[in-house]
PDB file of N, CA and C in Angstrom:
ATOM      1  N   MET A   1      71.338  47.164 150.391  1.00  0.00           N
ATOM      2  CA  MET A   1      71.538  48.070 151.489  1.00  0.00           C
ATOM      3  C   MET A   1      72.988  48.598 151.484  1.00  0.00           C
ATOM      4  N   GLU A   2      73.877  47.694 151.236  1.00  0.00           N
ATOM      5  CA  GLU A   2      75.266  48.083 151.189  1.00  0.00           C
ATOM      6  C   GLU A   2      75.497  49.069 150.031  1.00  0.00           C
ATOM      7  N   ARG A   3      74.843  48.780 148.945  1.00  0.00           N
ATOM      8  CA  ARG A   3      74.946  49.668 147.780  1.00  0.00           C
ATOM      9  C   ARG A   3      74.397  51.053 148.098  1.00  0.00           C
ATOM     10  N   ASP A   4      73.284  51.123 148.778  1.00  0.00           N
ATOM     11  CA  ASP A   4      72.679  52.399 149.168  1.00  0.00           C
ATOM     12  C   ASP A   4      73.614  53.157 150.108  1.00  0.00           C
ATOM     13  N   TYR A   5      74.257  52.427 151.029  1.00  0.00           N
ATOM     14  CA  TYR A   5      75.196  53.037 151.960  1.00  0.00           C
ATOM     15  C   TYR A   5      76.374  53.652 151.206  1.00  0.00           C
ATOM     16  N   LYS A   6      76.925  52.905 150.232  1.00  0.00           N
ATOM     17  CA  LYS A   6      78.049  53.409 149.445  1.00  0.00           C
ATOM     18  C   LYS A   6      77.638  54.647 148.640  1.00  0.00           C
ATOM     19  N   THR A   7      76.431  54.622 148.105  1.00  0.00           N
ATOM     20  CA  THR A   7      75.935  55.747 147.313  1.00  0.00           C
ATOM     21  C   THR A   7      75.836  57.000 148.167  1.00  0.00           C
ATOM     22  N   LYS A   8      75.281  56.872 149.367  1.00  0.00           N
ATOM     23  CA  LYS A   8      75.156  58.031 150.266  1.00  0.00           C
ATOM     24  C   LYS A   8      76.523  58.559 150.684  1.00  0.00           C
ATOM     25  N   ARG A   9      77.431  57.620 151.004  1.00  0.00           N
ATOM     26  CA  ARG A   9      78.760  58.038 151.397  1.00  0.00           C
ATOM     27  C   ARG A   9      79.482  58.755 150.247  1.00  0.00           C
ATOM     28  N   LEU A  10      79.345  58.210 149.045  1.00  0.00           N
ATOM     29  CA  LEU A  10      79.968  58.835 147.895  1.00  0.00           C
ATOM     30  C   LEU A  10      79.327  60.198 147.583  1.00  0.00           C
ATOM     31  N   THR A  11      78.021  60.302 147.753  1.00  0.00           N
ATOM     32  CA  THR A  11      77.321  61.563 147.535  1.00  0.00           C
ATOM     33  C   THR A  11      77.844  62.631 148.492  1.00  0.00           C
ATOM     34  N   GLN A  12      78.011  62.300 149.742  1.00  0.00           N
ATOM     35  CA  GLN A  12      78.537  63.251 150.714  1.00  0.00           C
ATOM     36  C   GLN A  12      79.960  63.671 150.343  1.00  0.00           C
ATOM     37  N   ARG A  13      80.739  62.702 149.920  1.00  0.00           N
ATOM     38  CA  ARG A  13      82.116  62.998 149.562  1.00  0.00           C
ATOM     39  C   ARG A  13      82.184  63.916 148.337  1.00  0.00           C
ATOM     40  N   VAL A  14      81.309  63.669 147.365  1.00  0.00           N
ATOM     41  CA  VAL A  14      81.289  64.497 146.157  1.00  0.00           C
ATOM     42  C   VAL A  14      80.822  65.912 146.483  1.00  0.00           C
ATOM     43  N   LYS A  15      79.830  66.026 147.345  1.00  0.00           N
ATOM     44  CA  LYS A  15      79.315  67.356 147.708  1.00  0.00           C
ATOM     45  C   LYS A  15      80.372  68.189 148.426  1.00  0.00           C
ATOM     46  N   CYS A  16      81.225  67.555 149.177  1.00  0.00           N
ATOM     47  CA  CYS A  16      82.255  68.273 149.925  1.00  0.00           C
ATOM     48  C   CYS A  16      83.530  68.493 149.111  1.00  0.00           C
ATOM     49  N   SER A  17      83.566  67.995 147.921  1.00  0.00           N
ATOM     50  CA  SER A  17      84.760  68.099 147.090  1.00  0.00           C
ATOM     51  C   SER A  17      85.036  69.562 146.720  1.00  0.00           C
ATOM     52  N   PRO A  18      86.310  69.993 146.815  1.00  0.00           N
ATOM     53  CA  PRO A  18      86.654  71.368 146.435  1.00  0.00           C
ATOM     54  C   PRO A  18      86.630  71.570 144.907  1.00  0.00           C
ATOM     55  N   ALA A  19      86.600  70.494 144.152  1.00  0.00           N
ATOM     56  CA  ALA A  19      86.571  70.607 142.696  1.00  0.00           C
ATOM     57  C   ALA A  19      85.219  71.116 142.216  1.00  0.00           C
ATOM     58  N   LEU A  20      84.188  70.819 142.970  1.00  0.00           N
ATOM     59  CA  LEU A  20      82.853  71.293 142.593  1.00  0.00           C
ATOM     60  C   LEU A  20      82.595  72.652 143.228  1.00  0.00           C
ATOM     61  N   VAL A  21      82.344  73.631 142.371  1.00  0.00           N
ATOM     62  CA  VAL A  21      82.120  74.985 142.848  1.00  0.00           C
ATOM     63  C   VAL A  21      80.824  75.476 142.227  1.00  0.00           C
ATOM     64  N   ASP A  22      80.054  76.197 143.007  1.00  0.00           N
ATOM     65  CA  ASP A  22      78.818  76.788 142.480  1.00  0.00           C
ATOM     66  C   ASP A  22      79.211  78.036 141.674  1.00  0.00           C
ATOM     67  N   ASN A  23      79.115  77.937 140.363  1.00  0.00           N
ATOM     68  CA  ASN A  23      79.525  79.052 139.510  1.00  0.00           C
ATOM     69  C   ASN A  23      78.325  79.833 138.981  1.00  0.00           C
ATOM     70  N   GLN A  24      77.202  79.690 139.613  1.00  0.00           N
ATOM     71  CA  GLN A  24      76.003  80.404 139.183  1.00  0.00           C
ATOM     72  C   GLN A  24      76.184  81.909 139.294  1.00  0.00           C
ATOM     73  N   ALA A  25      76.782  82.377 140.356  1.00  0.00           N
ATOM     74  CA  ALA A  25      77.002  83.818 140.545  1.00  0.00           C
ATOM     75  C   ALA A  25      77.991  84.349 139.493  1.00  0.00           C
ATOM     76  N   ALA A  26      79.032  83.575 139.218  1.00  0.00           N
ATOM     77  CA  ALA A  26      80.011  84.008 138.224  1.00  0.00           C
ATOM     78  C   ALA A  26      79.376  84.068 136.831  1.00  0.00           C
ATOM     79  N   LEU A  27      78.546  83.071 136.518  1.00  0.00           N
ATOM     80  CA  LEU A  27      77.859  83.064 135.226  1.00  0.00           C
ATOM     81  C   LEU A  27      76.900  84.245 135.099  1.00  0.00           C
ATOM     82  N   GLN A  28      76.192  84.555 136.186  1.00  0.00           N
ATOM     83  CA  GLN A  28      75.265  85.685 136.178  1.00  0.00           C
ATOM     84  C   GLN A  28      76.026  87.001 135.980  1.00  0.00           C
ATOM     85  N   ALA A  29      77.160  87.150 136.659  1.00  0.00           N
ATOM     86  CA  ALA A  29      77.974  88.361 136.518  1.00  0.00           C
ATOM     87  C   ALA A  29      78.511  88.473 135.085  1.00  0.00           C
ATOM     88  N   GLN A  30      78.930  87.342 134.523  1.00  0.00           N
ATOM     89  CA  GLN A  30      79.432  87.351 133.150  1.00  0.00           C
ATOM     90  C   GLN A  30      78.317  87.721 132.166  1.00  0.00           C
ATOM     91  N   ARG A  31      77.117  87.200 132.372  1.00  0.00           N
ATOM     92  CA  ARG A  31      75.976  87.560 131.525  1.00  0.00           C
ATOM     93  C   ARG A  31      75.672  89.054 131.598  1.00  0.00           C
ATOM     94  N   GLU A  32      75.708  89.606 132.801  1.00  0.00           N
ATOM     95  CA  GLU A  32      75.445  91.037 132.977  1.00  0.00           C
ATOM     96  C   GLU A  32      76.526  91.877 132.294  1.00  0.00           C
ATOM     97  N   GLN A  33      77.780  91.452 132.390  1.00  0.00           N
ATOM     98  CA  GLN A  33      78.859  92.176 131.708  1.00  0.00           C
ATOM     99  C   GLN A  33      78.678  92.119 130.191  1.00  0.00           C
ATOM    100  N   ASN A  34      78.320  90.961 129.703  1.00  0.00           N
ATOM    101  CA  ASN A  34      78.089  90.831 128.254  1.00  0.00           C
ATOM    102  C   ASN A  34      76.933  91.713 127.798  1.00  0.00           C
ATOM    103  N   MET A  35      75.863  91.730 128.572  1.00  0.00           N
ATOM    104  CA  MET A  35      74.711  92.563 128.210  1.00  0.00           C
ATOM    105  C   MET A  35      75.088  94.041 128.235  1.00  0.00           C
ATOM    106  N   GLU A  36      75.870  94.447 129.224  1.00  0.00           N
ATOM    107  CA  GLU A  36      76.301  95.849 129.313  1.00  0.00           C
ATOM    108  C   GLU A  36      77.195  96.214 128.122  1.00  0.00           C
ATOM    109  N   ARG A  37      78.098  95.304 127.760  1.00  0.00           N
ATOM    110  CA  ARG A  37      78.961  95.540 126.607  1.00  0.00           C
ATOM    111  C   ARG A  37      78.131  95.651 125.322  1.00  0.00           C
ATOM    112  N   ILE A  38      77.139  94.808 125.188  1.00  0.00           N
ATOM    113  CA  ILE A  38      76.260  94.853 124.011  1.00  0.00           C
ATOM    114  C   ILE A  38      75.481  96.163 123.979  1.00  0.00           C
ATOM    115  N   ARG A  39      74.980  96.606 125.137  1.00  0.00           N
ATOM    116  CA  ARG A  39      74.253  97.886 125.202  1.00  0.00           C
ATOM    117  C   ARG A  39      75.153  99.047 124.791  1.00  0.00           C
ATOM    118  N   GLN A  40      76.385  99.050 125.286  1.00  0.00           N
ATOM    119  CA  GLN A  40      77.316 100.121 124.935  1.00  0.00           C
ATOM    120  C   GLN A  40      77.629 100.104 123.440  1.00  0.00           C
ATOM    121  N   GLN A  41      77.815  98.912 122.882  1.00  0.00           N
ATOM    122  CA  GLN A  41      78.100  98.815 121.455  1.00  0.00           C
ATOM    123  C   GLN A  41      76.906  99.301 120.635  1.00  0.00           C
ATOM    124  N   LEU A  42      75.695  98.984 121.087  1.00  0.00           N
ATOM    125  CA  LEU A  42      74.496  99.468 120.405  1.00  0.00           C
ATOM    126  C   LEU A  42      74.401 100.988 120.460  1.00  0.00           C
ATOM    127  N   MET A  43      74.751 101.566 121.603  1.00  0.00           N
ATOM    128  CA  MET A  43      74.720 103.026 121.720  1.00  0.00           C
ATOM    129  C   MET A  43      75.750 103.656 120.782  1.00  0.00           C
ATOM    130  N   ILE A  44      76.931 103.064 120.707  1.00  0.00           N
ATOM    131  CA  ILE A  44      77.970 103.588 119.809  1.00  0.00           C
ATOM    132  C   ILE A  44      77.497 103.489 118.368  1.00  0.00           C
ATOM    133  N   ASN A  45      76.938 102.328 118.013  1.00  0.00           N
ATOM    134  CA  ASN A  45      76.441 102.152 116.640  1.00  0.00           C
ATOM    135  C   ASN A  45      75.323 103.133 116.326  1.00  0.00           C
ATOM    136  N   GLU A  46      74.461 103.395 117.301  1.00  0.00           N
ATOM    137  CA  GLU A  46      73.363 104.337 117.090  1.00  0.00           C
ATOM    138  C   GLU A  46      73.895 105.754 116.876  1.00  0.00           C
ATOM    139  N   LYS A  47      74.901 106.129 117.659  1.00  0.00           N
ATOM    140  CA  LYS A  47      75.501 107.455 117.470  1.00  0.00           C
ATOM    141  C   LYS A  47      76.165 107.573 116.108  1.00  0.00           C
ATOM    142  N   LEU A  48      76.866 106.513 115.692  1.00  0.00           N
ATOM    143  CA  LEU A  48      77.493 106.521 114.366  1.00  0.00           C
ATOM    144  C   LEU A  48      76.441 106.639 113.269  1.00  0.00           C
ATOM    145  N   TRP A  49      75.336 105.913 113.434  1.00  0.00           N
ATOM    146  CA  TRP A  49      74.276 105.978 112.436  1.00  0.00           C
ATOM    147  C   TRP A  49      73.652 107.372 112.397  1.00  0.00           C
ATOM    148  N   GLU A  50      73.421 107.974 113.561  1.00  0.00           N
ATOM    149  CA  GLU A  50      72.856 109.325 113.600  1.00  0.00           C
ATOM    150  C   GLU A  50      73.784 110.320 112.911  1.00  0.00           C
ATOM    151  N   ARG A  51      75.098 110.167 113.155  1.00  0.00           N
ATOM    152  CA  ARG A  51      76.075 111.044 112.522  1.00  0.00           C
ATOM    153  C   ARG A  51      76.053 110.850 111.003  1.00  0.00           C
ATOM    154  N   LYS A  52      76.007 109.595 110.573  1.00  0.00           N
ATOM    155  CA  LYS A  52      75.984 109.303 109.131  1.00  0.00           C
ATOM    156  C   LYS A  52      74.694 109.834 108.505  1.00  0.00           C
ATOM    157  N   LYS A  53      73.577 109.677 109.216  1.00  0.00           N
ATOM    158  CA  LYS A  53      72.292 110.156 108.715  1.00  0.00           C
ATOM    159  C   LYS A  53      72.294 111.677 108.596  1.00  0.00           C
ATOM    160  N   ALA A  54      72.873 112.356 109.579  1.00  0.00           N
ATOM    161  CA  ALA A  54      72.960 113.823 109.521  1.00  0.00           C
ATOM    162  C   ALA A  54      73.826 114.256 108.343  1.00  0.00           C
ATOM    163  N   GLU A  55      74.908 113.519 108.098  1.00  0.00           N
ATOM    164  CA  GLU A  55      75.768 113.839 106.957  1.00  0.00           C
ATOM    165  C   GLU A  55      75.019 113.646 105.635  1.00  0.00           C
ATOM    166  N   ILE A  56      74.253 112.583 105.543  1.00  0.00           N
ATOM    167  CA  ILE A  56      73.464 112.332 104.331  1.00  0.00           C
ATOM    168  C   ILE A  56      72.432 113.435 104.133  1.00  0.00           C
ATOM    169  N   GLU A  57      71.742 113.814 105.202  1.00  0.00           N
ATOM    170  CA  GLU A  57      70.738 114.871 105.112  1.00  0.00           C
ATOM    171  C   GLU A  57      71.376 116.198 104.694  1.00  0.00           C
ATOM    172  N   TYR A  58      72.561 116.489 105.229  1.00  0.00           N
ATOM    173  CA  TYR A  58      73.270 117.716 104.862  1.00  0.00           C
ATOM    174  C   TYR A  58      73.624 117.697 103.380  1.00  0.00           C
ATOM    175  N   ASN A  59      74.154 116.568 102.914  1.00  0.00           N
ATOM    176  CA  ASN A  59      74.521 116.453 101.497  1.00  0.00           C
ATOM    177  C   ASN A  59      73.314 116.583 100.587  1.00  0.00           C
ATOM    178  N   VAL A  60      72.197 116.006 100.989  1.00  0.00           N
ATOM    179  CA  VAL A  60      70.980 116.097 100.179  1.00  0.00           C
ATOM    180  C   VAL A  60      70.478 117.531 100.151  1.00  0.00           C
ATOM    181  N   ALA A  61      70.524 118.209 101.292  1.00  0.00           N
ATOM    182  CA  ALA A  61      70.027 119.587 101.360  1.00  0.00           C
ATOM    183  C   ALA A  61      70.890 120.534 100.535  1.00  0.00           C
ATOM    184  N   ASN A  62      72.180 120.263 100.455  1.00  0.00           N
ATOM    185  CA  ASN A  62      73.090 121.162  99.745  1.00  0.00           C
ATOM    186  C   ASN A  62      73.375 120.729  98.311  1.00  0.00           C
ATOM    187  N   ARG A  63      72.711 119.694  97.872  1.00  0.00           N
ATOM    188  CA  ARG A  63      72.913 119.220  96.503  1.00  0.00           C
ATOM    189  C   ARG A  63      72.196 120.157  95.532  1.00  0.00           C
ATOM    190  N   PRO A  64      72.805 120.452  94.392  1.00  0.00           N
ATOM    191  CA  PRO A  64      72.131 121.330  93.434  1.00  0.00           C
ATOM    192  C   PRO A  64      70.903 120.646  92.834  1.00  0.00           C
ATOM    193  N   LEU A  65      69.953 121.461  92.426  1.00  0.00           N
ATOM    194  CA  LEU A  65      68.751 120.925  91.806  1.00  0.00           C
ATOM    195  C   LEU A  65      69.088 120.327  90.456  1.00  0.00           C
ATOM    196  N   LEU A  66      68.219 119.450  89.986  1.00  0.00           N
ATOM    197  CA  LEU A  66      68.475 118.809  88.697  1.00  0.00           C
ATOM    198  C   LEU A  66      68.553 119.821  87.567  1.00  0.00           C
ATOM    199  N   VAL A  67      67.760 120.872  87.665  1.00  0.00           N
ATOM    200  CA  VAL A  67      67.794 121.887  86.608  1.00  0.00           C
ATOM    201  C   VAL A  67      69.079 122.696  86.660  1.00  0.00           C
ATOM    202  N   GLU A  68      69.771 122.652  87.799  1.00  0.00           N
ATOM    203  CA  GLU A  68      71.019 123.393  87.936  1.00  0.00           C
ATOM    204  C   GLU A  68      72.230 122.574  87.486  1.00  0.00           C
ATOM    205  N   LEU A  69      72.052 121.265  87.380  1.00  0.00           N
ATOM    206  CA  LEU A  69      73.165 120.411  86.992  1.00  0.00           C
ATOM    207  C   LEU A  69      73.466 120.543  85.506  1.00  0.00           C
ATOM    208  N   GLN A  70      74.724 120.510  85.178  1.00  0.00           N
ATOM    209  CA  GLN A  70      75.129 120.544  83.787  1.00  0.00           C
ATOM    210  C   GLN A  70      75.534 119.129  83.395  1.00  0.00           C
ATOM    211  N   SER A  71      75.181 118.766  82.198  1.00  0.00           N
ATOM    212  CA  SER A  71      75.530 117.423  81.754  1.00  0.00           C
ATOM    213  C   SER A  71      77.024 117.338  81.478  1.00  0.00           C
ATOM    214  N   GLN A  72      77.529 116.139  81.585  1.00  0.00           N
ATOM    215  CA  GLN A  72      78.951 115.918  81.323  1.00  0.00           C
ATOM    216  C   GLN A  72      79.275 116.232  79.869  1.00  0.00           C
ATOM    217  N   HIS A  73      78.345 115.921  78.988  1.00  0.00           N
ATOM    218  CA  HIS A  73      78.538 116.214  77.565  1.00  0.00           C
ATOM    219  C   HIS A  73      78.705 117.723  77.346  1.00  0.00           C
ATOM    220  N   PHE A  74      77.864 118.504  78.024  1.00  0.00           N
ATOM    221  CA  PHE A  74      77.959 119.962  77.903  1.00  0.00           C
ATOM    222  C   PHE A  74      79.304 120.461  78.414  1.00  0.00           C
ATOM    223  N   CYS A  75      79.756 119.926  79.539  1.00  0.00           N
ATOM    224  CA  CYS A  75      81.043 120.348  80.111  1.00  0.00           C
ATOM    225  C   CYS A  75      82.194 119.986  79.167  1.00  0.00           C
ATOM    226  N   ASP A  76      82.135 118.791  78.581  1.00  0.00           N
ATOM    227  CA  ASP A  76      83.185 118.400  77.641  1.00  0.00           C
ATOM    228  C   ASP A  76      83.203 119.325  76.422  1.00  0.00           C
ATOM    229  N   LYS A  77      82.013 119.622  75.917  1.00  0.00           N
ATOM    230  CA  LYS A  77      81.912 120.499  74.744  1.00  0.00           C
ATOM    231  C   LYS A  77      82.430 121.901  75.082  1.00  0.00           C
ATOM    232  N   LEU A  78      82.110 122.378  76.279  1.00  0.00           N
ATOM    233  CA  LEU A  78      82.574 123.690  76.715  1.00  0.00           C
ATOM    234  C   LEU A  78      84.104 123.729  76.796  1.00  0.00           C
ATOM    235  N   ASN A  79      84.699 122.661  77.301  1.00  0.00           N
ATOM    236  CA  ASN A  79      86.168 122.593  77.365  1.00  0.00           C
ATOM    237  C   ASN A  79      86.784 122.597  75.963  1.00  0.00           C
ATOM    238  N   GLU A  80      86.159 121.869  75.047  1.00  0.00           N
ATOM    239  CA  GLU A  80      86.653 121.871  73.666  1.00  0.00           C
ATOM    240  C   GLU A  80      86.558 123.272  73.055  1.00  0.00           C
ATOM    241  N   ILE A  81      85.459 123.946  73.308  1.00  0.00           N
ATOM    242  CA  ILE A  81      85.268 125.308  72.781  1.00  0.00           C
ATOM    243  C   ILE A  81      86.364 126.225  73.313  1.00  0.00           C
ATOM    244  N   ARG A  82      86.657 126.128  74.597  1.00  0.00           N
ATOM    245  CA  ARG A  82      87.696 126.975  75.197  1.00  0.00           C
ATOM    246  C   ARG A  82      89.066 126.695  74.566  1.00  0.00           C
ATOM    247  N   GLN A  83      89.353 125.408  74.321  1.00  0.00           N
ATOM    248  CA  GLN A  83      90.631 125.071  73.700  1.00  0.00           C
ATOM    249  C   GLN A  83      90.733 125.652  72.295  1.00  0.00           C
ATOM    250  N   VAL A  84      89.653 125.546  71.532  1.00  0.00           N
ATOM    251  CA  VAL A  84      89.652 126.081  70.167  1.00  0.00           C
ATOM    252  C   VAL A  84      89.768 127.600  70.207  1.00  0.00           C
ATOM    253  N   GLU A  85      89.079 128.251  71.136  1.00  0.00           N
ATOM    254  CA  GLU A  85      89.174 129.704  71.253  1.00  0.00           C
ATOM    255  C   GLU A  85      90.593 130.138  71.622  1.00  0.00           C
ATOM    256  N   ASN A  86      91.249 129.364  72.485  1.00  0.00           N
ATOM    257  CA  ASN A  86      92.644 129.671  72.823  1.00  0.00           C
ATOM    258  C   ASN A  86      93.536 129.508  71.593  1.00  0.00           C
ATOM    259  N   PHE A  87      93.273 128.476  70.791  1.00  0.00           N
ATOM    260  CA  PHE A  87      94.033 128.251  69.568  1.00  0.00           C
ATOM    261  C   PHE A  87      93.820 129.402  68.588  1.00  0.00           C
ATOM    262  N   VAL A  88      92.582 129.871  68.467  1.00  0.00           N
ATOM    263  CA  VAL A  88      92.274 131.000  67.586  1.00  0.00           C
ATOM    264  C   VAL A  88      92.996 132.247  68.073  1.00  0.00           C
ATOM    265  N   GLN A  89      93.018 132.446  69.369  1.00  0.00           N
ATOM    266  CA  GLN A  89      93.702 133.606  69.946  1.00  0.00           C
ATOM    267  C   GLN A  89      95.194 133.564  69.634  1.00  0.00           C
ATOM    268  N   VAL A  90      95.807 132.393  69.742  1.00  0.00           N
ATOM    269  CA  VAL A  90      97.230 132.243  69.428  1.00  0.00           C
ATOM    270  C   VAL A  90      97.472 132.555  67.950  1.00  0.00           C
ATOM    271  N   LEU A  91      96.569 132.061  67.093  1.00  0.00           N
ATOM    272  CA  LEU A  91      96.706 132.343  65.658  1.00  0.00           C
ATOM    273  C   LEU A  91      96.598 133.835  65.367  1.00  0.00           C
ATOM    274  N   ARG A  92      95.673 134.508  66.019  1.00  0.00           N
ATOM    275  CA  ARG A  92      95.501 135.956  65.804  1.00  0.00           C
ATOM    276  C   ARG A  92      96.720 136.726  66.288  1.00  0.00           C
ATOM    277  N   GLU A  93      97.283 136.284  67.423  1.00  0.00           N
ATOM    278  CA  GLU A  93      98.492 136.949  67.928  1.00  0.00           C
ATOM    279  C   GLU A  93      99.664 136.760  66.967  1.00  0.00           C
ATOM    280  N   ALA A  94      99.656 135.630  66.262  1.00  0.00           N
ATOM    281  CA  ALA A  94     100.714 135.381  65.271  1.00  0.00           C
ATOM    282  C   ALA A  94     100.388 136.031  63.927  1.00  0.00           C
ATOM    283  N   LYS A  95      99.296 136.800  63.895  1.00  0.00           N
ATOM    284  CA  LYS A  95      98.843 137.513  62.692  1.00  0.00           C
ATOM    285  C   LYS A  95      98.552 136.554  61.529  1.00  0.00           C
ATOM    286  N   LEU A  96      97.874 135.431  61.902  1.00  0.00           N
ATOM    287  CA  LEU A  96      97.424 134.453  60.904  1.00  0.00           C
ATOM    288  C   LEU A  96      95.910 134.423  60.894  1.00  0.00           C
ATOM    289  N   ASP A  97      95.354 134.063  59.762  1.00  0.00           N
ATOM    290  CA  ASP A  97      93.901 133.969  59.648  1.00  0.00           C
ATOM    291  C   ASP A  97      93.443 132.635  60.241  1.00  0.00           C
ATOM    292  N   PRO A  98      92.623 132.646  61.301  1.00  0.00           N
ATOM    293  CA  PRO A  98      92.186 131.389  61.930  1.00  0.00           C
ATOM    294  C   PRO A  98      91.384 130.507  60.974  1.00  0.00           C
ATOM    295  N   GLN A  99      90.642 131.093  60.040  1.00  0.00           N
ATOM    296  CA  GLN A  99      89.812 130.300  59.131  1.00  0.00           C
ATOM    297  C   GLN A  99      90.664 129.413  58.212  1.00  0.00           C
ATOM    298  N   ASP A 100      91.876 129.807  57.944  1.00  0.00           N
ATOM    299  CA  ASP A 100      92.755 129.010  57.093  1.00  0.00           C
ATOM    300  C   ASP A 100      93.345 127.804  57.832  1.00  0.00           C
ATOM    301  N   HIS A 101      93.436 127.882  59.144  1.00  0.00           N
ATOM    302  CA  HIS A 101      94.128 126.854  59.921  1.00  0.00           C
ATOM    303  C   HIS A 101      93.191 125.972  60.750  1.00  0.00           C
ATOM    304  N   LEU A 102      91.912 126.262  60.751  1.00  0.00           N
ATOM    305  CA  LEU A 102      90.974 125.476  61.555  1.00  0.00           C
ATOM    306  C   LEU A 102      90.420 124.305  60.756  1.00  0.00           C
ATOM    307  N   GLU A 103      90.211 123.210  61.459  1.00  0.00           N
ATOM    308  CA  GLU A 103      89.549 122.036  60.877  1.00  0.00           C
ATOM    309  C   GLU A 103      88.058 122.343  60.747  1.00  0.00           C
ATOM    310  N   PRO A 104      87.336 121.601  59.922  1.00  0.00           N
ATOM    311  CA  PRO A 104      85.887 121.841  59.797  1.00  0.00           C
ATOM    312  C   PRO A 104      85.122 121.635  61.112  1.00  0.00           C
ATOM    313  N   TRP A 105      85.522 120.625  61.881  1.00  0.00           N
ATOM    314  CA  TRP A 105      84.811 120.392  63.144  1.00  0.00           C
ATOM    315  C   TRP A 105      85.073 121.520  64.132  1.00  0.00           C
ATOM    316  N   GLN A 106      86.252 122.140  64.054  1.00  0.00           N
ATOM    317  CA  GLN A 106      86.556 123.270  64.935  1.00  0.00           C
ATOM    318  C   GLN A 106      85.736 124.495  64.545  1.00  0.00           C
ATOM    319  N   LYS A 107      85.528 124.681  63.249  1.00  0.00           N
ATOM    320  CA  LYS A 107      84.684 125.794  62.792  1.00  0.00           C
ATOM    321  C   LYS A 107      83.245 125.603  63.269  1.00  0.00           C
ATOM    322  N   GLU A 108      82.757 124.362  63.183  1.00  0.00           N
ATOM    323  CA  GLU A 108      81.392 124.074  63.671  1.00  0.00           C
ATOM    324  C   GLU A 108      81.307 124.315  65.174  1.00  0.00           C
ATOM    325  N   LEU A 109      82.359 123.949  65.870  1.00  0.00           N
ATOM    326  CA  LEU A 109      82.386 124.145  67.327  1.00  0.00           C
ATOM    327  C   LEU A 109      82.326 125.627  67.679  1.00  0.00           C
ATOM    328  N   LEU A 110      83.064 126.457  66.931  1.00  0.00           N
ATOM    329  CA  LEU A 110      83.026 127.905  67.175  1.00  0.00           C
ATOM    330  C   LEU A 110      81.660 128.478  66.830  1.00  0.00           C
ATOM    331  N   ALA A 111      81.022 127.933  65.790  1.00  0.00           N
ATOM    332  CA  ALA A 111      79.681 128.402  65.438  1.00  0.00           C
ATOM    333  C   ALA A 111      78.689 128.029  66.531  1.00  0.00           C
ATOM    334  N   SER A 112      78.836 126.837  67.078  1.00  0.00           N
ATOM    335  CA  SER A 112      77.928 126.444  68.164  1.00  0.00           C
ATOM    336  C   SER A 112      78.192 127.275  69.419  1.00  0.00           C
ATOM    337  N   ALA A 113      79.442 127.705  69.619  1.00  0.00           N
ATOM    338  CA  ALA A 113      79.776 128.555  70.776  1.00  0.00           C
ATOM    339  C   ALA A 113      79.072 129.898  70.628  1.00  0.00           C
ATOM    340  N   GLU A 114      79.062 130.438  69.431  1.00  0.00           N
ATOM    341  CA  GLU A 114      78.356 131.705  69.202  1.00  0.00           C
ATOM    342  C   GLU A 114      76.873 131.519  69.452  1.00  0.00           C
ATOM    343  N   TYR A 115      76.339 130.371  69.060  1.00  0.00           N
ATOM    344  CA  TYR A 115      74.917 130.096  69.270  1.00  0.00           C
ATOM    345  C   TYR A 115      74.621 129.991  70.761  1.00  0.00           C
ATOM    346  N   LEU A 116      75.514 129.336  71.522  1.00  0.00           N
ATOM    347  CA  LEU A 116      75.302 129.177  72.958  1.00  0.00           C
ATOM    348  C   LEU A 116      75.408 130.500  73.704  1.00  0.00           C
ATOM    349  N   ASP A 117      76.270 131.388  73.184  1.00  0.00           N
ATOM    350  CA  ASP A 117      76.406 132.695  73.831  1.00  0.00           C
ATOM    351  C   ASP A 117      75.109 133.468  73.668  1.00  0.00           C
TER     352      ASP A 117
END
């Protein structure tokens, strides 16, 4: 009986203690703030994704067709042809015969340029 009396008295004292605070409302408010922050972040991420998707769609729409693309090999060969043609032009301006000063591979390159034209 004495033990029960002490327990009840201690229970009353603990319930009235200022150290114990009902933080249920604070926890609920914190949960709502977190959920709102998460919603806002999701909206921002969605807008960023929509912007990125629109950029991708724009790039795809404006990309040249495969038949319009030139191979890198062709571009390199074209640059070589232009360099050789410039060299031939310099030789002609110096009143020299280009056939005497060209390497065999350069002559083949000029022949292929005529074929491509």
